[in-house]
N, C-alpha and C. Protein backbone atom coordinates (compact mmCIF):
# COMPACT_ATOMS: atom_id res chain seq x y z
N UNK A 1 -157.10 33.43 -158.63
CA UNK A 1 -156.45 32.98 -157.60
C UNK A 1 -155.71 33.98 -156.84
N UNK A 2 -155.17 34.83 -157.68
CA UNK A 2 -154.41 35.80 -157.17
C UNK A 2 -155.42 36.87 -156.11
N UNK A 3 -156.67 37.07 -156.65
CA UNK A 3 -157.58 37.69 -155.80
C UNK A 3 -157.77 37.01 -154.56
N UNK A 4 -157.99 35.61 -154.52
CA UNK A 4 -158.19 34.78 -153.31
C UNK A 4 -156.90 35.15 -152.28
N UNK A 5 -155.62 35.13 -152.93
CA UNK A 5 -154.36 35.14 -152.04
C UNK A 5 -154.45 36.64 -151.52
N UNK A 6 -154.85 37.53 -152.25
CA UNK A 6 -154.86 38.96 -151.71
C UNK A 6 -155.98 39.14 -150.46
N UNK A 7 -157.09 38.58 -150.67
CA UNK A 7 -158.04 38.49 -149.59
C UNK A 7 -157.66 37.86 -148.38
N UNK A 8 -156.86 36.67 -148.64
CA UNK A 8 -156.40 35.86 -147.50
C UNK A 8 -155.35 36.73 -146.65
N UNK A 9 -154.46 37.50 -147.39
CA UNK A 9 -153.44 38.23 -146.97
C UNK A 9 -154.34 39.46 -146.01
N UNK A 10 -155.21 40.11 -146.77
CA UNK A 10 -155.73 41.12 -145.93
C UNK A 10 -156.74 40.56 -144.74
N UNK A 11 -157.14 39.32 -144.68
CA UNK A 11 -157.81 38.74 -143.53
C UNK A 11 -156.84 38.61 -142.43
N UNK A 12 -155.53 38.25 -142.80
CA UNK A 12 -154.44 37.93 -141.75
C UNK A 12 -154.13 39.25 -141.22
N UNK A 13 -154.02 40.27 -141.96
CA UNK A 13 -153.61 41.69 -141.58
C UNK A 13 -154.45 42.12 -140.55
N UNK A 14 -155.87 41.83 -140.89
CA UNK A 14 -156.90 42.46 -140.04
C UNK A 14 -156.69 41.73 -138.59
N UNK A 15 -156.33 40.63 -138.63
CA UNK A 15 -156.16 39.94 -137.19
C UNK A 15 -154.98 40.14 -136.44
N UNK A 16 -154.11 40.98 -136.85
CA UNK A 16 -152.90 41.38 -136.36
C UNK A 16 -153.05 42.36 -135.22
N UNK A 17 -152.44 42.17 -133.99
CA UNK A 17 -152.49 43.17 -132.97
C UNK A 17 -151.03 43.65 -132.54
N UNK A 18 -150.91 44.58 -131.69
CA UNK A 18 -149.75 45.19 -131.24
C UNK A 18 -149.25 44.30 -130.21
N UNK A 19 -147.91 44.72 -129.73
CA UNK A 19 -147.51 43.94 -128.44
C UNK A 19 -148.18 44.26 -127.21
N UNK A 20 -148.75 45.35 -127.20
CA UNK A 20 -149.37 45.66 -125.89
C UNK A 20 -150.91 45.21 -125.75
N UNK A 21 -151.25 44.38 -126.83
CA UNK A 21 -152.61 44.02 -126.96
C UNK A 21 -153.71 44.80 -127.66
N UNK A 22 -153.39 45.93 -127.84
CA UNK A 22 -154.15 46.85 -128.71
C UNK A 22 -154.22 46.52 -130.20
N UNK A 23 -155.22 46.77 -130.84
CA UNK A 23 -155.23 46.73 -132.33
C UNK A 23 -154.54 47.90 -132.77
N UNK A 24 -153.80 47.75 -134.06
CA UNK A 24 -153.19 48.80 -134.56
C UNK A 24 -154.13 49.76 -135.16
N UNK A 25 -153.72 51.15 -135.28
CA UNK A 25 -154.70 52.45 -135.66
C UNK A 25 -154.33 52.24 -137.25
N UNK A 26 -154.99 53.07 -138.05
CA UNK A 26 -154.77 53.25 -139.40
C UNK A 26 -153.40 53.83 -139.45
N UNK A 27 -152.83 54.76 -138.48
CA UNK A 27 -151.59 55.35 -138.62
C UNK A 27 -150.41 54.34 -138.33
N UNK A 28 -150.67 53.14 -137.59
CA UNK A 28 -149.64 52.36 -137.20
C UNK A 28 -149.04 51.62 -138.44
N UNK A 29 -147.62 51.53 -138.75
CA UNK A 29 -147.26 50.78 -139.86
C UNK A 29 -147.30 49.46 -139.70
N UNK A 30 -147.39 48.61 -140.63
CA UNK A 30 -147.72 47.16 -140.49
C UNK A 30 -146.49 46.57 -141.32
N UNK A 31 -146.33 45.37 -141.04
CA UNK A 31 -145.25 44.59 -141.73
C UNK A 31 -145.62 44.39 -143.19
N UNK A 32 -144.46 44.35 -144.05
CA UNK A 32 -144.67 44.43 -145.44
C UNK A 32 -145.65 43.32 -145.81
N UNK A 33 -145.63 42.17 -145.23
CA UNK A 33 -146.31 40.92 -145.72
C UNK A 33 -146.74 40.21 -144.41
N UNK A 34 -148.12 40.09 -144.17
CA UNK A 34 -148.67 39.13 -143.10
C UNK A 34 -148.16 37.77 -143.35
N UNK A 35 -148.33 36.83 -142.46
CA UNK A 35 -147.82 35.36 -142.27
C UNK A 35 -148.97 34.72 -143.17
N UNK A 36 -148.78 33.89 -144.05
CA UNK A 36 -149.40 32.86 -144.63
C UNK A 36 -148.90 31.72 -144.96
N UNK A 37 -149.58 30.49 -144.81
CA UNK A 37 -148.69 29.19 -145.02
C UNK A 37 -148.22 28.91 -146.45
N UNK A 38 -148.87 28.89 -147.51
CA UNK A 38 -148.74 28.61 -148.84
C UNK A 38 -148.65 29.58 -149.87
N UNK A 39 -149.16 30.86 -149.52
CA UNK A 39 -149.38 31.78 -150.49
C UNK A 39 -148.16 32.66 -150.74
N UNK A 40 -147.87 33.21 -151.91
CA UNK A 40 -146.97 34.32 -152.26
C UNK A 40 -147.38 35.53 -151.97
N UNK A 41 -146.51 36.48 -151.65
CA UNK A 41 -146.79 37.79 -151.23
C UNK A 41 -147.41 38.59 -152.58
N UNK A 42 -147.96 39.51 -152.27
CA UNK A 42 -148.70 40.42 -153.55
C UNK A 42 -147.41 41.00 -154.30
N UNK A 43 -147.56 40.98 -155.40
CA UNK A 43 -146.40 41.66 -156.20
C UNK A 43 -146.00 43.08 -155.79
N UNK A 44 -144.65 43.18 -155.85
CA UNK A 44 -144.12 44.53 -155.48
C UNK A 44 -143.50 45.04 -156.59
N UNK A 45 -143.54 46.43 -156.67
CA UNK A 45 -142.83 47.03 -158.01
C UNK A 45 -141.65 47.77 -157.45
N UNK A 46 -141.30 48.12 -156.18
CA UNK A 46 -140.03 48.69 -155.72
C UNK A 46 -139.57 47.90 -154.51
N UNK A 47 -138.48 48.31 -154.05
CA UNK A 47 -137.77 47.77 -152.86
C UNK A 47 -137.25 46.36 -153.22
N UNK A 48 -136.70 45.76 -152.14
CA UNK A 48 -136.23 44.55 -152.21
C UNK A 48 -137.18 43.46 -152.53
N UNK A 49 -138.27 43.52 -152.30
CA UNK A 49 -139.26 42.45 -152.73
C UNK A 49 -139.47 42.44 -154.09
N UNK A 50 -139.49 43.73 -154.55
CA UNK A 50 -139.89 44.01 -156.16
C UNK A 50 -138.60 43.42 -156.99
N UNK A 51 -137.37 43.65 -156.30
CA UNK A 51 -136.24 43.07 -156.99
C UNK A 51 -136.16 41.61 -156.96
N UNK A 52 -136.77 40.88 -156.01
CA UNK A 52 -136.93 39.49 -155.87
C UNK A 52 -137.94 38.86 -156.90
N UNK A 53 -139.06 39.62 -157.00
CA UNK A 53 -140.18 39.22 -157.91
C UNK A 53 -139.59 39.40 -159.30
N UNK A 54 -138.97 40.68 -159.53
CA UNK A 54 -138.42 40.72 -160.80
C UNK A 54 -137.39 39.72 -161.31
N UNK A 55 -136.55 39.32 -160.37
CA UNK A 55 -135.48 38.33 -160.73
C UNK A 55 -135.91 37.00 -161.03
N UNK A 56 -137.17 36.80 -160.30
CA UNK A 56 -137.95 35.37 -160.41
C UNK A 56 -138.60 35.40 -161.74
N UNK A 57 -139.20 36.54 -161.98
CA UNK A 57 -139.88 36.49 -163.43
C UNK A 57 -140.89 35.72 -163.54
N UNK A 58 -141.09 34.91 -164.59
CA UNK A 58 -142.25 33.93 -164.80
C UNK A 58 -142.07 32.59 -164.08
N UNK A 59 -140.86 32.45 -163.79
CA UNK A 59 -140.40 31.12 -163.19
C UNK A 59 -140.63 30.06 -164.08
N UNK A 60 -140.30 30.07 -165.34
CA UNK A 60 -140.65 29.09 -166.44
C UNK A 60 -139.76 27.86 -166.23
N UNK A 61 -140.43 26.79 -166.49
CA UNK A 61 -139.84 25.44 -166.10
C UNK A 61 -140.34 24.45 -167.05
N UNK A 62 -139.60 23.28 -167.12
CA UNK A 62 -140.05 22.08 -167.74
C UNK A 62 -140.10 20.89 -167.11
N UNK A 63 -139.75 20.89 -165.85
CA UNK A 63 -139.70 19.72 -164.87
C UNK A 63 -139.82 20.29 -163.40
N UNK A 64 -140.37 19.36 -162.54
CA UNK A 64 -140.58 19.72 -161.29
C UNK A 64 -139.27 19.89 -160.57
N UNK A 65 -138.07 19.23 -160.89
CA UNK A 65 -136.75 19.26 -160.36
C UNK A 65 -136.08 20.76 -160.43
N UNK A 66 -136.70 21.52 -161.45
CA UNK A 66 -136.23 22.93 -161.66
C UNK A 66 -136.85 23.89 -160.71
N UNK A 67 -138.04 23.39 -159.90
CA UNK A 67 -138.87 24.37 -159.14
C UNK A 67 -138.32 24.32 -157.71
N UNK A 68 -138.29 25.46 -157.01
CA UNK A 68 -137.64 25.69 -155.78
C UNK A 68 -138.48 26.64 -155.07
N UNK A 69 -138.40 26.46 -153.79
CA UNK A 69 -139.23 27.22 -152.75
C UNK A 69 -138.27 28.24 -152.06
N UNK A 70 -138.71 29.52 -152.04
CA UNK A 70 -137.90 30.61 -151.34
C UNK A 70 -138.76 31.27 -150.34
N UNK A 71 -138.14 31.10 -149.13
CA UNK A 71 -138.81 31.85 -147.98
C UNK A 71 -138.74 33.16 -148.05
N UNK A 72 -139.71 33.93 -147.77
CA UNK A 72 -139.49 35.48 -147.89
C UNK A 72 -140.20 36.15 -146.86
N UNK A 73 -139.37 37.18 -146.33
CA UNK A 73 -139.80 38.21 -145.23
C UNK A 73 -139.65 37.40 -144.08
N UNK A 74 -140.16 38.08 -142.89
CA UNK A 74 -139.99 37.56 -141.51
C UNK A 74 -141.32 37.76 -140.69
N UNK A 75 -141.77 36.78 -140.04
CA UNK A 75 -143.00 36.88 -139.21
C UNK A 75 -142.38 37.35 -137.83
N UNK A 76 -143.30 38.12 -136.94
CA UNK A 76 -142.89 38.65 -135.72
C UNK A 76 -142.36 37.64 -134.85
N UNK A 77 -142.88 36.26 -134.86
CA UNK A 77 -142.45 35.20 -133.91
C UNK A 77 -141.24 34.53 -134.53
N UNK A 78 -140.81 34.87 -135.77
CA UNK A 78 -139.81 33.92 -136.47
C UNK A 78 -140.47 33.20 -137.79
N UNK A 79 -139.75 32.82 -138.43
CA UNK A 79 -140.05 32.25 -139.58
C UNK A 79 -140.35 33.05 -140.74
N UNK A 80 -140.52 32.76 -141.99
CA UNK A 80 -140.73 33.49 -143.08
C UNK A 80 -142.13 34.02 -143.12
N UNK A 81 -142.51 35.21 -143.69
CA UNK A 81 -143.77 35.48 -143.75
C UNK A 81 -144.74 34.77 -144.94
N UNK A 82 -143.77 34.54 -146.01
CA UNK A 82 -144.61 33.82 -146.98
C UNK A 82 -143.52 33.02 -148.00
N UNK A 83 -143.85 32.48 -148.86
CA UNK A 83 -142.99 31.66 -149.77
C UNK A 83 -143.45 32.11 -151.42
N UNK A 84 -142.25 32.03 -152.21
CA UNK A 84 -142.39 32.23 -153.61
C UNK A 84 -141.76 31.02 -154.21
N UNK A 85 -142.32 30.50 -155.53
CA UNK A 85 -141.94 29.58 -156.25
C UNK A 85 -140.88 30.20 -157.19
N UNK A 86 -139.65 29.62 -157.44
CA UNK A 86 -138.90 30.00 -158.58
C UNK A 86 -138.07 29.04 -159.28
N UNK A 87 -137.58 29.13 -160.58
CA UNK A 87 -137.26 28.29 -161.39
C UNK A 87 -135.60 28.33 -161.29
N UNK A 88 -134.88 27.26 -160.93
CA UNK A 88 -133.44 27.06 -161.14
C UNK A 88 -133.05 27.14 -162.61
N UNK A 89 -133.82 26.99 -163.48
CA UNK A 89 -133.53 27.08 -164.96
C UNK A 89 -133.45 28.39 -165.48
N UNK A 90 -134.15 29.29 -164.78
CA UNK A 90 -134.16 30.78 -165.34
C UNK A 90 -133.44 31.69 -164.33
N UNK A 91 -133.14 31.34 -163.01
CA UNK A 91 -132.93 32.29 -162.12
C UNK A 91 -131.70 31.96 -161.26
N UNK A 92 -130.59 32.73 -160.91
CA UNK A 92 -129.60 32.61 -160.05
C UNK A 92 -129.96 32.37 -158.84
N UNK A 93 -129.53 31.24 -158.15
CA UNK A 93 -130.07 30.95 -156.83
C UNK A 93 -129.23 31.81 -155.72
N UNK A 94 -127.96 31.91 -155.94
CA UNK A 94 -127.19 32.82 -155.13
C UNK A 94 -127.87 34.21 -154.85
N UNK A 95 -127.96 34.78 -156.15
CA UNK A 95 -128.41 36.07 -156.06
C UNK A 95 -129.64 36.26 -155.24
N UNK A 96 -130.55 35.32 -155.60
CA UNK A 96 -132.01 35.39 -155.19
C UNK A 96 -131.88 35.06 -153.76
N UNK A 97 -131.26 34.24 -153.21
CA UNK A 97 -130.84 34.01 -151.68
C UNK A 97 -130.29 35.30 -151.02
N UNK A 98 -129.70 35.81 -151.52
CA UNK A 98 -128.87 37.10 -151.05
C UNK A 98 -130.15 38.29 -150.89
N UNK A 99 -130.85 38.45 -151.97
CA UNK A 99 -131.93 39.45 -151.84
C UNK A 99 -133.00 39.00 -150.77
N UNK A 100 -133.22 37.58 -150.68
CA UNK A 100 -134.24 37.09 -149.75
C UNK A 100 -133.78 37.40 -148.44
N UNK A 101 -132.69 37.12 -147.97
CA UNK A 101 -132.04 37.47 -146.84
C UNK A 101 -132.01 38.91 -146.43
N UNK A 102 -131.60 40.01 -147.41
CA UNK A 102 -131.90 41.25 -147.14
C UNK A 102 -133.29 41.62 -146.92
N UNK A 103 -134.24 41.25 -147.48
CA UNK A 103 -135.73 41.39 -147.29
C UNK A 103 -135.93 40.94 -145.99
N UNK A 104 -135.36 39.78 -145.54
CA UNK A 104 -135.88 39.21 -144.31
C UNK A 104 -135.44 40.18 -143.05
N UNK A 105 -134.28 40.63 -143.29
CA UNK A 105 -133.74 41.49 -142.27
C UNK A 105 -134.51 42.76 -142.39
N UNK A 106 -134.81 43.30 -143.52
CA UNK A 106 -135.61 44.51 -143.39
C UNK A 106 -136.91 44.55 -142.87
N UNK A 107 -137.58 43.13 -143.13
CA UNK A 107 -139.10 43.00 -142.38
C UNK A 107 -138.87 42.73 -140.92
N UNK A 108 -137.70 42.12 -140.60
CA UNK A 108 -137.51 41.85 -139.11
C UNK A 108 -137.38 43.00 -138.42
N UNK A 109 -136.69 44.02 -139.00
CA UNK A 109 -136.38 45.20 -138.34
C UNK A 109 -137.84 45.91 -138.25
N UNK A 110 -138.56 45.99 -139.38
CA UNK A 110 -139.83 46.66 -139.53
C UNK A 110 -140.71 46.04 -138.45
N UNK A 111 -140.79 44.85 -138.32
CA UNK A 111 -141.73 44.21 -137.20
C UNK A 111 -141.21 44.76 -135.93
N UNK A 112 -140.13 44.68 -135.63
CA UNK A 112 -139.46 45.24 -134.11
C UNK A 112 -140.08 46.69 -133.93
N UNK A 113 -139.62 47.37 -134.89
CA UNK A 113 -140.04 48.93 -134.78
C UNK A 113 -141.50 49.03 -134.47
N UNK A 114 -142.37 48.46 -135.24
CA UNK A 114 -143.68 48.50 -135.03
C UNK A 114 -144.30 47.78 -133.97
N UNK A 115 -143.58 46.84 -133.39
CA UNK A 115 -144.33 46.21 -132.28
C UNK A 115 -145.08 45.08 -132.71
N UNK A 116 -145.03 44.70 -134.05
CA UNK A 116 -145.97 43.78 -134.55
C UNK A 116 -145.86 42.38 -133.82
N UNK A 117 -146.76 41.48 -133.80
CA UNK A 117 -146.90 40.29 -133.14
C UNK A 117 -147.66 39.32 -134.06
N UNK A 118 -147.52 38.01 -133.86
CA UNK A 118 -148.26 37.01 -134.68
C UNK A 118 -148.63 35.97 -133.66
N UNK A 119 -149.48 34.99 -134.37
CA UNK A 119 -149.89 33.93 -133.64
C UNK A 119 -148.90 32.90 -133.28
N UNK A 120 -147.69 32.94 -133.90
CA UNK A 120 -146.41 32.05 -133.45
C UNK A 120 -146.83 30.66 -133.81
N UNK A 121 -147.72 30.28 -134.46
CA UNK A 121 -147.84 29.04 -134.86
C UNK A 121 -146.93 28.65 -136.03
N UNK A 122 -146.44 27.29 -135.83
CA UNK A 122 -145.55 26.64 -136.92
C UNK A 122 -146.03 26.48 -138.25
N UNK A 123 -145.41 27.01 -139.24
CA UNK A 123 -146.28 26.81 -140.66
C UNK A 123 -145.18 25.98 -141.49
N UNK A 124 -145.76 24.91 -142.02
CA UNK A 124 -144.91 23.88 -142.78
C UNK A 124 -144.75 24.61 -144.19
N UNK A 125 -143.44 24.52 -144.57
CA UNK A 125 -143.09 25.44 -146.09
C UNK A 125 -144.01 24.37 -147.06
N UNK A 126 -144.31 25.14 -148.15
CA UNK A 126 -144.96 24.37 -149.22
C UNK A 126 -143.86 23.80 -150.30
N UNK A 127 -144.30 22.94 -151.13
CA UNK A 127 -143.60 22.56 -152.12
C UNK A 127 -143.74 23.42 -153.37
N UNK A 128 -142.85 23.07 -154.44
CA UNK A 128 -143.14 23.68 -155.80
C UNK A 128 -142.98 22.48 -156.75
N UNK A 129 -143.96 23.00 -157.68
CA UNK A 129 -144.07 21.99 -158.87
C UNK A 129 -144.17 22.86 -160.17
N UNK A 130 -143.55 22.19 -161.14
CA UNK A 130 -143.82 22.58 -162.68
C UNK A 130 -145.23 22.34 -163.20
N UNK A 131 -146.02 23.48 -163.26
CA UNK A 131 -147.27 23.08 -163.69
C UNK A 131 -147.55 24.24 -164.96
N UNK A 132 -148.07 23.75 -165.93
CA UNK A 132 -148.25 24.67 -167.25
C UNK A 132 -147.17 25.50 -167.56
N UNK A 133 -145.96 24.83 -167.24
CA UNK A 133 -144.57 25.63 -167.90
C UNK A 133 -144.06 26.59 -166.80
N UNK A 134 -144.66 26.81 -165.57
CA UNK A 134 -144.16 27.77 -164.55
C UNK A 134 -144.20 26.96 -163.14
N UNK A 135 -143.16 27.39 -162.35
CA UNK A 135 -143.17 26.80 -161.10
C UNK A 135 -144.25 27.44 -160.23
N UNK A 136 -145.03 26.52 -159.48
CA UNK A 136 -146.01 27.04 -158.64
C UNK A 136 -145.96 26.18 -157.25
N UNK A 137 -146.46 27.25 -156.21
CA UNK A 137 -146.46 26.49 -154.75
C UNK A 137 -147.55 25.62 -154.86
N UNK A 138 -147.24 24.39 -154.10
CA UNK A 138 -148.34 23.53 -153.82
C UNK A 138 -148.23 23.07 -152.41
N UNK A 139 -149.27 22.56 -151.83
CA UNK A 139 -149.37 21.95 -150.36
C UNK A 139 -148.12 20.88 -150.47
N UNK A 140 -147.12 20.75 -149.52
CA UNK A 140 -146.19 20.01 -149.38
C UNK A 140 -146.58 18.49 -149.20
N UNK A 141 -147.91 18.52 -148.71
CA UNK A 141 -148.43 16.98 -148.24
C UNK A 141 -149.08 16.39 -149.67
N UNK A 142 -149.41 17.13 -150.63
CA UNK A 142 -150.01 16.78 -151.94
C UNK A 142 -148.82 16.37 -152.83
N UNK A 143 -147.72 16.88 -152.52
CA UNK A 143 -146.41 16.71 -153.19
C UNK A 143 -145.76 15.17 -153.11
N UNK A 144 -146.04 14.54 -152.07
CA UNK A 144 -145.56 13.21 -151.72
C UNK A 144 -146.49 12.10 -152.23
């Protein structure tokens, strides 16, 4: 499943263009995470995103009510770049929200500096559910 997510992220990154309409060169910096509707970003080991994923940990849960969705990053046209599932049973929501806001600001600044653009389509946020003892992202429509 993680390999499929990574391939989806790479496919999205390949479709990204610069504000002037040209494709980015290999030397052009890219945003930390391309926009995806329901997938989580690739795990990071350093920086703010690494702190977020470390704080979330395994997102252990025993009930759906413990599972929350965290918007992560910033798309060039606005909105989050991706989402992460986390457990309120194991994680401090206020600390997590502060880190997510810092990461959003960092990625927004990076997008502006690099001239990144996206397709600007609206993406519905996913839902989160407790599956096999961990919080996982699910399609919001299937949660109803």
